[in-house]
N, C-alpha and C. Protein backbone atom coordinates (compact mmCIF):
# COMPACT_ATOMS: atom_id res chain seq x y z
N UNK A 1 136.98 115.04 87.86
CA UNK A 1 136.08 114.29 88.74
C UNK A 1 136.22 112.80 88.45
N UNK A 2 136.31 112.01 89.49
CA UNK A 2 136.52 110.57 89.35
C UNK A 2 135.32 109.92 88.66
N UNK A 3 135.61 108.97 87.75
CA UNK A 3 134.55 108.22 87.08
C UNK A 3 133.99 107.19 88.06
N UNK A 4 132.68 107.19 88.22
CA UNK A 4 132.01 106.32 89.19
C UNK A 4 131.18 105.30 88.42
N UNK A 5 131.48 104.02 88.63
CA UNK A 5 130.77 102.96 87.92
C UNK A 5 130.00 102.09 88.91
N UNK A 6 128.82 101.67 88.50
CA UNK A 6 128.04 100.73 89.31
C UNK A 6 128.11 99.36 88.65
N UNK A 7 128.71 98.42 89.35
CA UNK A 7 128.89 97.06 88.85
C UNK A 7 128.53 96.08 89.98
N UNK A 8 127.26 96.03 90.30
CA UNK A 8 126.84 95.22 91.44
C UNK A 8 127.07 93.73 91.18
N UNK A 9 127.68 93.07 92.16
CA UNK A 9 127.90 91.63 92.04
C UNK A 9 126.57 90.91 92.23
N UNK A 10 126.41 89.71 91.66
CA UNK A 10 125.14 89.00 91.79
C UNK A 10 124.81 88.65 93.25
N UNK A 11 123.52 88.55 93.52
CA UNK A 11 123.10 88.13 94.85
C UNK A 11 123.50 86.69 95.13
N UNK A 12 123.78 85.95 94.08
CA UNK A 12 124.18 84.54 94.21
C UNK A 12 125.68 84.36 94.38
N UNK A 13 126.42 85.48 94.52
CA UNK A 13 127.88 85.36 94.71
C UNK A 13 128.17 84.46 95.91
N UNK A 14 129.06 83.48 95.75
CA UNK A 14 129.29 82.51 96.84
C UNK A 14 129.92 83.14 98.08
N UNK A 15 129.87 82.36 99.14
CA UNK A 15 130.44 82.71 100.44
C UNK A 15 129.81 83.98 101.03
N UNK A 16 128.52 84.18 100.68
CA UNK A 16 127.72 85.22 101.33
C UNK A 16 128.34 86.61 101.20
N UNK A 17 129.00 86.87 100.07
CA UNK A 17 129.67 88.16 99.94
C UNK A 17 128.72 89.30 99.60
N UNK A 18 127.51 88.98 99.15
CA UNK A 18 126.47 89.99 99.07
C UNK A 18 125.28 89.49 99.90
N UNK A 19 125.33 89.72 101.21
CA UNK A 19 124.34 89.13 102.11
C UNK A 19 122.92 89.64 101.90
N UNK A 20 122.77 90.88 101.45
CA UNK A 20 121.45 91.37 101.10
C UNK A 20 120.62 91.93 102.24
N UNK A 21 121.19 92.09 103.43
CA UNK A 21 120.44 92.72 104.52
C UNK A 21 120.27 94.21 104.22
N UNK A 22 119.07 94.71 104.41
CA UNK A 22 118.84 96.13 104.16
C UNK A 22 119.61 96.99 105.16
N UNK A 23 120.02 98.18 104.73
CA UNK A 23 120.87 99.02 105.57
C UNK A 23 120.56 100.49 105.30
N UNK A 24 120.48 101.26 106.37
CA UNK A 24 120.47 102.71 106.27
C UNK A 24 121.82 103.18 106.79
N UNK A 25 122.72 103.61 105.91
CA UNK A 25 124.10 103.92 106.34
C UNK A 25 124.16 105.07 107.34
N UNK A 26 124.92 104.84 108.41
CA UNK A 26 125.15 105.87 109.41
C UNK A 26 126.63 106.26 109.50
N UNK A 27 127.49 105.45 108.89
CA UNK A 27 128.93 105.68 108.92
C UNK A 27 129.52 105.32 107.56
N UNK A 28 130.73 105.79 107.33
CA UNK A 28 131.53 105.36 106.19
C UNK A 28 132.85 104.85 106.74
N UNK A 29 133.19 103.63 106.39
CA UNK A 29 134.40 102.99 106.90
C UNK A 29 135.45 102.89 105.80
N UNK A 30 136.66 103.34 106.11
CA UNK A 30 137.74 103.38 105.13
C UNK A 30 138.71 102.22 105.35
N UNK A 31 139.05 101.56 104.25
CA UNK A 31 140.02 100.47 104.23
C UNK A 31 141.06 100.77 103.14
N UNK A 32 142.18 100.05 103.15
CA UNK A 32 143.03 99.98 101.97
C UNK A 32 143.30 98.51 101.68
N UNK A 33 143.61 98.21 100.42
CA UNK A 33 143.59 96.82 99.95
C UNK A 33 144.74 95.96 100.42
N UNK A 34 145.83 96.57 100.89
CA UNK A 34 147.03 95.82 101.29
C UNK A 34 147.57 94.99 100.12
N UNK A 35 147.39 95.50 98.91
CA UNK A 35 147.89 94.83 97.70
C UNK A 35 148.47 95.91 96.79
N UNK A 36 149.76 95.84 96.56
CA UNK A 36 150.45 96.90 95.82
C UNK A 36 150.22 96.85 94.31
N UNK A 37 149.62 95.78 93.81
CA UNK A 37 149.45 95.66 92.36
C UNK A 37 148.00 95.58 91.91
N UNK A 38 147.05 95.57 92.83
CA UNK A 38 145.66 95.35 92.49
C UNK A 38 144.93 96.66 92.18
N UNK A 39 144.19 96.68 91.06
CA UNK A 39 143.39 97.83 90.67
C UNK A 39 141.95 97.65 91.13
N UNK A 40 141.12 98.65 90.90
CA UNK A 40 139.70 98.56 91.24
C UNK A 40 139.05 97.40 90.48
N UNK A 41 139.39 97.27 89.21
CA UNK A 41 138.82 96.18 88.42
C UNK A 41 139.27 94.83 88.96
N UNK A 42 140.54 94.73 89.36
CA UNK A 42 141.03 93.48 89.95
C UNK A 42 140.25 93.14 91.21
N UNK A 43 140.02 94.14 92.06
CA UNK A 43 139.31 93.91 93.31
C UNK A 43 137.87 93.47 93.06
N UNK A 44 137.24 94.05 92.05
CA UNK A 44 135.88 93.64 91.68
C UNK A 44 135.88 92.19 91.23
N UNK A 45 136.85 91.83 90.39
CA UNK A 45 136.94 90.45 89.92
C UNK A 45 137.17 89.46 91.04
N UNK A 46 137.92 89.87 92.06
CA UNK A 46 138.21 88.98 93.18
C UNK A 46 136.96 88.67 93.99
N UNK A 47 136.03 89.61 94.04
CA UNK A 47 134.79 89.37 94.78
C UNK A 47 134.01 88.19 94.21
N UNK A 48 134.03 88.02 92.91
CA UNK A 48 133.25 86.96 92.27
C UNK A 48 134.11 85.78 91.83
N UNK A 49 135.39 85.83 92.11
CA UNK A 49 136.30 84.74 91.74
C UNK A 49 135.98 83.49 92.57
N UNK A 50 135.72 82.34 91.93
CA UNK A 50 135.38 81.13 92.67
C UNK A 50 136.50 80.64 93.58
N UNK A 51 137.72 81.07 93.30
CA UNK A 51 138.85 80.67 94.16
C UNK A 51 138.92 81.49 95.45
N UNK A 52 138.14 82.55 95.52
CA UNK A 52 138.09 83.39 96.72
C UNK A 52 137.07 82.80 97.68
N UNK A 53 137.52 82.28 98.79
CA UNK A 53 136.63 81.64 99.76
C UNK A 53 136.43 82.48 101.02
N UNK A 54 136.81 83.75 100.95
CA UNK A 54 136.66 84.63 102.10
C UNK A 54 135.22 85.16 102.19
N UNK A 55 134.68 85.15 103.40
CA UNK A 55 133.38 85.77 103.63
C UNK A 55 133.64 87.24 103.97
N UNK A 56 133.98 87.99 102.94
CA UNK A 56 134.34 89.40 103.13
C UNK A 56 134.01 90.16 101.85
N UNK A 57 133.58 91.39 102.01
CA UNK A 57 133.21 92.19 100.85
C UNK A 57 133.30 93.66 101.20
N UNK A 58 132.91 94.51 100.28
CA UNK A 58 132.96 95.96 100.46
C UNK A 58 131.93 96.58 99.53
N UNK A 59 131.68 97.85 99.68
CA UNK A 59 130.71 98.53 98.81
C UNK A 59 131.37 99.20 97.60
N UNK A 60 132.44 99.97 97.86
CA UNK A 60 133.07 100.77 96.81
C UNK A 60 134.58 100.58 96.87
N UNK A 61 135.20 100.47 95.71
CA UNK A 61 136.66 100.43 95.63
C UNK A 61 137.11 101.58 94.73
N UNK A 62 138.23 102.21 95.11
CA UNK A 62 138.72 103.39 94.40
C UNK A 62 140.18 103.18 94.03
N UNK A 63 140.53 103.49 92.77
CA UNK A 63 141.95 103.53 92.41
C UNK A 63 142.25 104.86 91.75
N UNK A 64 143.36 104.96 91.01
CA UNK A 64 143.75 106.25 90.45
C UNK A 64 142.99 106.61 89.19
N UNK A 65 142.10 105.72 88.73
CA UNK A 65 141.35 105.98 87.51
C UNK A 65 139.84 106.00 87.69
N UNK A 66 139.33 105.25 88.67
CA UNK A 66 137.88 105.10 88.78
C UNK A 66 137.47 104.64 90.18
N UNK A 67 136.17 104.71 90.40
CA UNK A 67 135.55 104.15 91.60
C UNK A 67 134.47 103.18 91.13
N UNK A 68 134.39 102.02 91.78
CA UNK A 68 133.42 101.00 91.38
C UNK A 68 132.57 100.62 92.59
N UNK A 69 131.26 100.68 92.42
CA UNK A 69 130.33 100.26 93.47
C UNK A 69 129.92 98.82 93.18
N UNK A 70 130.25 97.91 94.10
CA UNK A 70 130.00 96.48 93.90
C UNK A 70 128.77 95.98 94.63
N UNK A 71 128.40 96.66 95.71
CA UNK A 71 127.21 96.28 96.49
C UNK A 71 126.37 97.54 96.70
N UNK A 72 125.05 97.47 96.49
CA UNK A 72 124.21 98.65 96.67
C UNK A 72 124.40 99.26 98.06
N UNK A 73 124.32 100.56 98.13
CA UNK A 73 124.61 101.27 99.38
C UNK A 73 123.49 101.15 100.41
N UNK A 74 122.37 100.55 100.00
CA UNK A 74 121.30 100.27 100.97
C UNK A 74 121.28 98.81 101.40
N UNK A 75 122.38 98.10 101.10
CA UNK A 75 122.59 96.73 101.59
C UNK A 75 123.90 96.69 102.36
N UNK A 76 124.01 95.77 103.29
CA UNK A 76 125.25 95.70 104.06
C UNK A 76 126.30 94.88 103.33
N UNK A 77 127.53 94.99 103.79
CA UNK A 77 128.64 94.17 103.31
C UNK A 77 129.44 93.73 104.53
N UNK A 78 130.19 92.64 104.39
CA UNK A 78 131.03 92.15 105.50
C UNK A 78 132.43 92.74 105.34
N UNK A 79 132.72 93.82 106.03
CA UNK A 79 134.01 94.49 105.84
C UNK A 79 134.64 95.00 107.14
N UNK A 80 133.86 95.11 108.22
CA UNK A 80 134.36 95.79 109.42
C UNK A 80 134.94 94.85 110.46
N UNK A 81 134.66 93.54 110.34
CA UNK A 81 135.21 92.58 111.30
C UNK A 81 134.64 92.69 112.69
N UNK A 82 133.43 93.27 112.83
CA UNK A 82 132.84 93.42 114.16
C UNK A 82 131.61 92.54 114.36
N UNK A 83 131.52 91.48 113.58
CA UNK A 83 130.46 90.49 113.82
C UNK A 83 129.24 90.68 112.94
N UNK A 84 128.41 89.67 112.96
CA UNK A 84 127.22 89.63 112.11
C UNK A 84 126.26 90.79 112.39
N UNK A 85 126.17 91.22 113.64
CA UNK A 85 125.27 92.32 114.00
C UNK A 85 126.04 93.58 114.36
N UNK A 86 127.34 93.62 114.07
CA UNK A 86 128.14 94.78 114.44
C UNK A 86 127.75 96.04 113.68
N UNK A 87 127.93 97.17 114.34
CA UNK A 87 127.58 98.46 113.72
C UNK A 87 128.36 98.69 112.43
N UNK A 88 129.63 98.35 112.44
CA UNK A 88 130.45 98.54 111.24
C UNK A 88 129.95 97.73 110.06
N UNK A 89 129.62 96.47 110.32
CA UNK A 89 129.14 95.60 109.26
C UNK A 89 127.72 95.90 108.82
N UNK A 90 126.88 96.35 109.75
CA UNK A 90 125.46 96.49 109.45
C UNK A 90 124.99 97.92 109.24
N UNK A 91 125.85 98.91 109.59
CA UNK A 91 125.38 100.30 109.45
C UNK A 91 126.45 101.22 108.84
N UNK A 92 127.44 100.64 108.15
CA UNK A 92 128.44 101.50 107.53
C UNK A 92 128.76 101.04 106.11
N UNK A 93 129.08 102.01 105.27
CA UNK A 93 129.52 101.75 103.90
C UNK A 93 131.02 101.50 103.92
N UNK A 94 131.45 100.40 103.34
CA UNK A 94 132.86 100.06 103.30
C UNK A 94 133.51 100.51 102.00
N UNK A 95 134.58 101.31 102.12
CA UNK A 95 135.30 101.81 100.95
C UNK A 95 136.73 101.31 100.99
N UNK A 96 137.14 100.62 99.92
CA UNK A 96 138.51 100.13 99.78
C UNK A 96 139.30 101.09 98.91
N UNK A 97 140.47 101.50 99.39
CA UNK A 97 141.36 102.35 98.61
C UNK A 97 142.51 101.49 98.09
N UNK A 98 142.69 101.47 96.77
CA UNK A 98 143.77 100.67 96.18
C UNK A 98 145.14 101.26 96.51
N UNK A 99 146.12 100.38 96.61
CA UNK A 99 147.48 100.80 96.93
C UNK A 99 148.38 100.80 95.70
N UNK A 100 147.81 100.49 94.53
CA UNK A 100 148.57 100.49 93.28
C UNK A 100 148.43 101.84 92.59
N UNK A 101 149.22 102.03 91.52
CA UNK A 101 149.07 103.22 90.69
C UNK A 101 149.54 104.50 91.35
N UNK A 102 149.05 105.61 90.84
CA UNK A 102 149.42 106.95 91.33
C UNK A 102 148.71 107.21 92.65
N UNK A 103 149.47 107.21 93.75
CA UNK A 103 148.87 107.34 95.08
C UNK A 103 148.14 108.67 95.25
N UNK A 104 148.73 109.75 94.76
CA UNK A 104 148.08 111.07 94.92
C UNK A 104 146.74 111.11 94.19
N UNK A 105 146.70 110.56 92.98
CA UNK A 105 145.45 110.53 92.22
C UNK A 105 144.42 109.64 92.93
N UNK A 106 144.88 108.50 93.43
CA UNK A 106 143.98 107.59 94.13
C UNK A 106 143.37 108.27 95.35
N UNK A 107 144.19 108.95 96.14
CA UNK A 107 143.70 109.59 97.34
C UNK A 107 142.73 110.73 97.02
N UNK A 108 143.03 111.49 95.96
CA UNK A 108 142.11 112.55 95.57
C UNK A 108 140.77 111.98 95.12
N UNK A 109 140.82 110.87 94.39
CA UNK A 109 139.57 110.21 93.98
C UNK A 109 138.78 109.74 95.19
N UNK A 110 139.50 109.18 96.17
CA UNK A 110 138.83 108.71 97.38
C UNK A 110 138.20 109.88 98.14
N UNK A 111 138.91 110.99 98.21
CA UNK A 111 138.37 112.19 98.88
C UNK A 111 137.08 112.64 98.20
N UNK A 112 137.07 112.67 96.87
CA UNK A 112 135.88 113.09 96.14
C UNK A 112 134.70 112.15 96.38
N UNK A 113 134.98 110.85 96.34
CA UNK A 113 133.92 109.86 96.53
C UNK A 113 133.33 109.97 97.93
N UNK A 114 134.19 110.06 98.94
CA UNK A 114 133.71 110.12 100.32
C UNK A 114 132.94 111.41 100.57
N UNK A 115 133.46 112.54 100.07
CA UNK A 115 132.77 113.82 100.25
C UNK A 115 131.39 113.78 99.61
N UNK A 116 131.31 113.20 98.43
CA UNK A 116 130.03 113.11 97.73
C UNK A 116 129.04 112.24 98.52
N UNK A 117 129.54 111.15 99.07
CA UNK A 117 128.68 110.27 99.87
C UNK A 117 128.19 110.95 101.14
N UNK A 118 129.08 111.63 101.82
CA UNK A 118 128.68 112.34 103.05
C UNK A 118 127.59 113.35 102.75
N UNK A 119 127.77 114.08 101.66
CA UNK A 119 126.76 115.07 101.28
C UNK A 119 125.44 114.39 100.94
N UNK A 120 125.52 113.31 100.19
CA UNK A 120 124.32 112.57 99.78
C UNK A 120 123.57 112.02 100.98
N UNK A 121 124.31 111.55 101.98
CA UNK A 121 123.70 110.93 103.17
C UNK A 121 123.43 111.93 104.28
N UNK A 122 123.81 113.20 104.05
CA UNK A 122 123.64 114.25 105.07
C UNK A 122 124.40 113.90 106.35
N UNK A 123 125.64 113.45 106.17
CA UNK A 123 126.50 113.09 107.29
C UNK A 123 127.72 114.01 107.31
N UNK A 124 128.34 114.14 108.48
CA UNK A 124 129.57 114.92 108.60
C UNK A 124 130.78 114.01 108.72
N UNK A 125 131.97 114.61 108.73
CA UNK A 125 133.19 113.82 108.81
C UNK A 125 133.33 113.10 110.16
N UNK A 126 132.50 113.49 111.15
CA UNK A 126 132.52 112.78 112.43
C UNK A 126 131.97 111.36 112.28
N UNK A 127 131.35 111.05 111.14
CA UNK A 127 130.82 109.72 110.89
C UNK A 127 131.77 108.86 110.06
N UNK A 128 132.99 109.35 109.85
CA UNK A 128 134.01 108.54 109.17
C UNK A 128 134.70 107.64 110.17
N UNK A 129 134.96 106.42 109.77
CA UNK A 129 135.65 105.45 110.62
C UNK A 129 136.72 104.72 109.82
N UNK A 130 137.76 104.30 110.54
CA UNK A 130 138.76 103.38 109.98
C UNK A 130 138.33 101.96 110.30
N UNK A 131 138.77 101.01 109.52
CA UNK A 131 138.57 99.61 109.87
C UNK A 131 139.07 99.36 111.29
N UNK A 132 140.18 99.98 111.61
CA UNK A 132 140.79 99.88 112.94
C UNK A 132 139.81 100.23 114.06
N UNK A 133 138.94 101.18 113.81
CA UNK A 133 138.02 101.64 114.86
C UNK A 133 136.99 100.59 115.24
N UNK A 134 136.70 99.65 114.34
CA UNK A 134 135.68 98.64 114.63
C UNK A 134 136.25 97.40 115.31
N UNK A 135 137.47 97.00 114.92
CA UNK A 135 137.97 95.74 115.51
C UNK A 135 139.47 95.73 115.77
N UNK A 136 140.12 96.88 115.67
CA UNK A 136 141.55 96.94 115.99
C UNK A 136 142.46 96.50 114.87
N UNK A 137 141.91 96.14 113.72
CA UNK A 137 142.74 95.76 112.57
C UNK A 137 143.50 96.99 112.08
N UNK A 138 144.84 96.92 111.92
CA UNK A 138 145.61 98.09 111.51
C UNK A 138 145.37 98.45 110.04
N UNK A 139 144.21 98.94 109.76
CA UNK A 139 143.77 99.25 108.40
C UNK A 139 142.92 100.53 108.48
N UNK A 140 143.06 101.44 107.53
CA UNK A 140 143.82 101.38 106.28
C UNK A 140 145.31 101.61 106.50
N UNK A 141 146.11 100.66 106.05
CA UNK A 141 147.53 100.70 106.39
C UNK A 141 148.25 101.87 105.73
N UNK A 142 147.72 102.39 104.60
CA UNK A 142 148.39 103.53 103.95
C UNK A 142 148.25 104.82 104.74
N UNK A 143 147.45 104.77 105.81
CA UNK A 143 147.30 105.97 106.64
C UNK A 143 147.82 105.74 108.06
N UNK A 144 148.65 104.73 108.24
CA UNK A 144 149.13 104.41 109.58
C UNK A 144 150.37 105.17 110.00
N UNK A 145 151.06 105.77 109.05
CA UNK A 145 152.34 106.42 109.37
C UNK A 145 152.13 107.59 110.33
N UNK A 146 153.14 107.87 111.12
CA UNK A 146 153.14 109.03 112.03
C UNK A 146 151.93 109.05 112.96
N UNK A 147 151.67 107.88 113.55
CA UNK A 147 150.59 107.80 114.55
C UNK A 147 149.26 108.28 113.98
N UNK A 148 148.93 107.77 112.79
CA UNK A 148 147.67 108.06 112.13
C UNK A 148 147.53 109.51 111.64
N UNK A 149 148.66 110.22 111.51
CA UNK A 149 148.58 111.57 110.96
C UNK A 149 148.02 111.54 109.54
N UNK A 150 148.31 110.43 108.83
CA UNK A 150 147.77 110.29 107.48
C UNK A 150 146.26 110.30 107.47
N UNK A 151 145.66 109.69 108.49
CA UNK A 151 144.20 109.68 108.60
C UNK A 151 143.67 111.08 108.84
N UNK A 152 144.31 111.80 109.72
CA UNK A 152 143.86 113.17 110.01
C UNK A 152 143.93 114.04 108.75
N UNK A 153 144.99 113.87 107.98
CA UNK A 153 145.12 114.63 106.74
C UNK A 153 144.04 114.27 105.74
N UNK A 154 143.68 112.99 105.70
CA UNK A 154 142.61 112.53 104.80
C UNK A 154 141.28 113.17 105.17
N UNK A 155 140.98 113.21 106.45
CA UNK A 155 139.73 113.81 106.92
C UNK A 155 139.70 115.31 106.61
N UNK A 156 140.83 115.99 106.82
CA UNK A 156 140.91 117.42 106.52
C UNK A 156 140.67 117.66 105.03
N UNK A 157 141.23 116.79 104.18
CA UNK A 157 141.04 116.93 102.73
C UNK A 157 139.57 116.78 102.36
N UNK A 158 138.88 115.87 103.04
CA UNK A 158 137.44 115.68 102.78
C UNK A 158 136.65 116.91 103.22
N UNK A 159 137.02 117.48 104.36
CA UNK A 159 136.34 118.69 104.82
C UNK A 159 136.54 119.83 103.83
N UNK A 160 137.73 119.94 103.28
CA UNK A 160 137.99 120.98 102.28
C UNK A 160 137.16 120.74 101.02
N UNK A 161 137.03 119.48 100.64
CA UNK A 161 136.23 119.14 99.45
C UNK A 161 134.76 119.50 99.69
N UNK A 162 134.27 119.23 100.90
CA UNK A 162 132.89 119.57 101.23
C UNK A 162 132.69 121.09 101.20
N UNK A 163 133.64 121.84 101.74
CA UNK A 163 133.54 123.30 101.72
C UNK A 163 133.61 123.83 100.30
N UNK A 164 134.44 123.19 99.48
CA UNK A 164 134.55 123.59 98.08
C UNK A 164 133.22 123.37 97.36
N UNK A 165 132.57 122.25 97.64
CA UNK A 165 131.29 121.95 97.00
C UNK A 165 130.22 122.97 97.40
N UNK A 166 130.30 123.42 98.65
CA UNK A 166 129.31 124.39 99.12
C UNK A 166 129.55 125.77 98.51
N UNK A 167 130.82 126.13 98.32
CA UNK A 167 131.14 127.48 97.86
C UNK A 167 131.13 127.62 96.34
N UNK A 168 130.99 126.51 95.61
CA UNK A 168 130.96 126.55 94.15
C UNK A 168 129.69 125.88 93.65
N UNK A 169 129.14 126.36 92.53
CA UNK A 169 127.94 125.71 91.99
C UNK A 169 128.27 124.34 91.42
N UNK A 170 127.27 123.48 91.37
CA UNK A 170 127.45 122.18 90.74
C UNK A 170 127.76 122.37 89.26
N UNK A 171 128.38 121.36 88.65
CA UNK A 171 128.80 121.47 87.25
C UNK A 171 127.63 121.85 86.34
N UNK A 172 126.45 121.25 86.60
CA UNK A 172 125.31 121.50 85.71
C UNK A 172 124.74 122.90 85.87
N UNK A 173 125.13 123.62 86.95
CA UNK A 173 124.55 124.93 87.22
C UNK A 173 125.50 126.09 86.95
N UNK A 174 126.73 125.79 86.53
CA UNK A 174 127.76 126.83 86.41
C UNK A 174 127.33 127.93 85.44
N UNK A 175 126.85 127.56 84.25
CA UNK A 175 126.49 128.57 83.25
C UNK A 175 125.38 129.48 83.76
N UNK A 176 124.33 128.90 84.33
CA UNK A 176 123.22 129.70 84.84
C UNK A 176 123.66 130.56 86.01
N UNK A 177 124.50 129.99 86.89
CA UNK A 177 124.95 130.74 88.06
C UNK A 177 125.78 131.95 87.64
N UNK A 178 126.69 131.73 86.68
CA UNK A 178 127.53 132.84 86.20
C UNK A 178 126.66 133.92 85.55
N UNK A 179 125.65 133.50 84.79
CA UNK A 179 124.74 134.47 84.16
C UNK A 179 124.00 135.28 85.22
N UNK A 180 123.46 134.60 86.22
CA UNK A 180 122.72 135.28 87.27
C UNK A 180 123.59 136.27 88.04
N UNK A 181 124.84 135.91 88.23
CA UNK A 181 125.77 136.80 88.93
C UNK A 181 126.08 138.03 88.07
N UNK A 182 126.34 137.80 86.77
CA UNK A 182 126.64 138.90 85.86
C UNK A 182 125.46 139.87 85.73
N UNK A 183 124.25 139.32 85.78
CA UNK A 183 123.06 140.16 85.65
C UNK A 183 122.70 140.87 86.95
N UNK A 184 123.38 140.54 88.04
CA UNK A 184 123.08 141.16 89.32
C UNK A 184 121.85 140.59 90.00
N UNK A 185 121.41 139.42 89.54
CA UNK A 185 120.24 138.79 90.15
C UNK A 185 120.61 138.14 91.48
N UNK A 186 121.83 137.61 91.56
CA UNK A 186 122.36 137.07 92.80
C UNK A 186 123.72 137.67 93.06
N UNK A 187 124.16 137.65 94.30
CA UNK A 187 125.48 138.22 94.61
C UNK A 187 126.61 137.24 94.39
N UNK A 188 126.29 136.02 93.94
CA UNK A 188 127.34 135.05 93.61
C UNK A 188 127.89 134.28 94.79
N UNK A 189 127.23 134.37 95.95
CA UNK A 189 127.71 133.62 97.12
C UNK A 189 126.74 132.51 97.47
N UNK A 190 127.26 131.53 98.20
CA UNK A 190 126.45 130.43 98.75
C UNK A 190 125.56 129.74 97.70
N UNK A 191 126.16 129.26 96.61
CA UNK A 191 125.33 128.70 95.54
C UNK A 191 124.54 127.45 95.92
N UNK A 192 125.01 126.71 96.93
CA UNK A 192 124.33 125.47 97.27
C UNK A 192 123.58 125.53 98.60
N UNK A 193 123.39 126.75 99.10
CA UNK A 193 122.62 126.92 100.32
C UNK A 193 121.15 127.18 99.97
N UNK A 194 120.21 126.75 100.83
CA UNK A 194 118.79 127.03 100.57
C UNK A 194 118.53 128.53 100.57
N UNK A 195 117.58 128.96 99.73
CA UNK A 195 117.20 130.37 99.66
C UNK A 195 115.99 130.63 100.55
N UNK A 196 116.02 131.74 101.29
CA UNK A 196 114.85 132.14 102.07
C UNK A 196 113.79 132.73 101.13
N UNK A 197 112.59 132.89 101.62
CA UNK A 197 111.53 133.48 100.81
C UNK A 197 111.88 134.91 100.41
N UNK A 198 112.50 135.67 101.33
CA UNK A 198 112.85 137.05 100.99
C UNK A 198 113.92 137.09 99.90
N UNK A 199 114.82 136.11 99.90
CA UNK A 199 115.83 136.06 98.84
C UNK A 199 115.20 135.72 97.49
N UNK A 200 114.25 134.78 97.50
CA UNK A 200 113.57 134.41 96.26
C UNK A 200 112.80 135.61 95.70
N UNK A 201 112.06 136.30 96.58
CA UNK A 201 111.29 137.47 96.13
C UNK A 201 112.23 138.56 95.61
N UNK A 202 113.37 138.77 96.28
CA UNK A 202 114.33 139.78 95.83
C UNK A 202 114.87 139.44 94.45
N UNK A 203 115.19 138.18 94.21
CA UNK A 203 115.69 137.78 92.89
C UNK A 203 114.63 137.98 91.81
N UNK A 204 113.37 137.66 92.14
CA UNK A 204 112.29 137.87 91.19
C UNK A 204 112.11 139.37 90.90
N UNK A 205 112.21 140.17 91.96
CA UNK A 205 112.08 141.63 91.81
C UNK A 205 113.18 142.16 90.89
N UNK A 206 114.39 141.67 91.04
CA UNK A 206 115.49 142.11 90.19
C UNK A 206 115.27 141.70 88.74
N UNK A 207 114.71 140.52 88.53
CA UNK A 207 114.41 140.07 87.17
C UNK A 207 113.40 140.98 86.50
N UNK A 208 112.37 141.39 87.26
CA UNK A 208 111.36 142.29 86.71
C UNK A 208 111.96 143.68 86.48
N UNK A 209 112.75 144.16 87.45
CA UNK A 209 113.34 145.50 87.33
C UNK A 209 114.27 145.60 86.12
N UNK A 210 114.92 144.52 85.78
CA UNK A 210 115.83 144.50 84.63
C UNK A 210 115.10 144.15 83.34
N UNK A 211 113.77 144.01 83.43
CA UNK A 211 112.93 143.69 82.27
C UNK A 211 113.31 142.35 81.65
N UNK A 212 113.82 141.46 82.48
CA UNK A 212 114.14 140.12 82.00
C UNK A 212 112.88 139.26 81.98
N UNK A 213 112.03 139.47 82.97
CA UNK A 213 110.72 138.85 82.94
C UNK A 213 109.67 139.93 83.16
N UNK A 214 108.46 139.67 82.75
CA UNK A 214 107.38 140.63 82.89
C UNK A 214 106.61 140.37 84.17
N UNK A 215 106.15 141.45 84.82
CA UNK A 215 105.34 141.24 86.02
C UNK A 215 104.02 140.55 85.67
N UNK A 216 103.45 139.89 86.64
CA UNK A 216 102.17 139.22 86.43
C UNK A 216 101.10 140.29 86.23
N UNK A 217 100.35 140.25 85.11
CA UNK A 217 99.34 141.28 84.86
C UNK A 217 98.19 141.18 85.84
N UNK A 218 97.52 142.34 86.03
CA UNK A 218 96.34 142.37 86.87
C UNK A 218 95.25 141.50 86.25
N UNK A 219 94.54 140.71 87.04
CA UNK A 219 93.50 139.88 86.45
C UNK A 219 92.36 140.74 85.91
N UNK A 220 91.83 140.34 84.77
CA UNK A 220 90.70 141.06 84.18
C UNK A 220 89.44 140.78 84.97
N UNK A 221 88.60 141.83 85.15
CA UNK A 221 87.33 141.58 85.89
C UNK A 221 86.47 140.61 85.11
N UNK A 222 85.85 139.72 85.81
CA UNK A 222 84.99 138.74 85.16
C UNK A 222 83.69 139.40 84.74
N UNK A 223 83.18 138.99 83.59
CA UNK A 223 81.92 139.54 83.08
C UNK A 223 80.76 138.89 83.81
N UNK A 224 79.68 139.70 83.99
CA UNK A 224 78.50 139.10 84.65
C UNK A 224 77.90 138.01 83.78
N UNK A 225 77.39 137.00 84.41
CA UNK A 225 76.77 135.89 83.67
C UNK A 225 75.44 136.34 83.08
N UNK A 226 75.22 135.94 81.84
CA UNK A 226 73.94 136.23 81.20
C UNK A 226 72.89 135.24 81.66
N UNK A 227 71.71 135.78 81.85
CA UNK A 227 70.63 134.88 82.26
C UNK A 227 69.70 134.61 81.10
């Protein structure tokens, strides 16, 4: 699993690179850095570099080793090129994918980060956008080959990651889930789906039947009050 770091740039960063407008994300916009030697740490440093005079920023950058969040996800960033009030700039999270290092590792890390965000925001892959979709900029350039087939493959990989997350328990629940399956308390399917009341009652019934927990005892009759 990719290491995710939060390294928010100061609100005083020059050239309005952390504008601070509140945002409820409705989309996730994918970019690539167009720099063959720059890492996630390099990109973070460039945001606060006084020699950088661009009014441009992003929320998350991903390379083959880590993902770094530079701007809170409930604030906007200038990344989509669709204007001060544009949907891309004001209602989407901007993710930069580094072009340096191990490309396969970088792409897998990006897939994990995006899938996690979609799940967190309760969004589907239909809410993914390329920089190109907002203003025609040919970005992310690493997905431009074969008439954007690279983009389609990226989206499919994210859908597979989302399905994988649904069909497998979270890391913190693996031990308990395996135990429950071995004990016959659950059938081992749909670990991340909500349970109906009948499913909850059935699991409790199985726990009692296996003498793992004791049934709730009958309440004792209350004694009459003395006068």
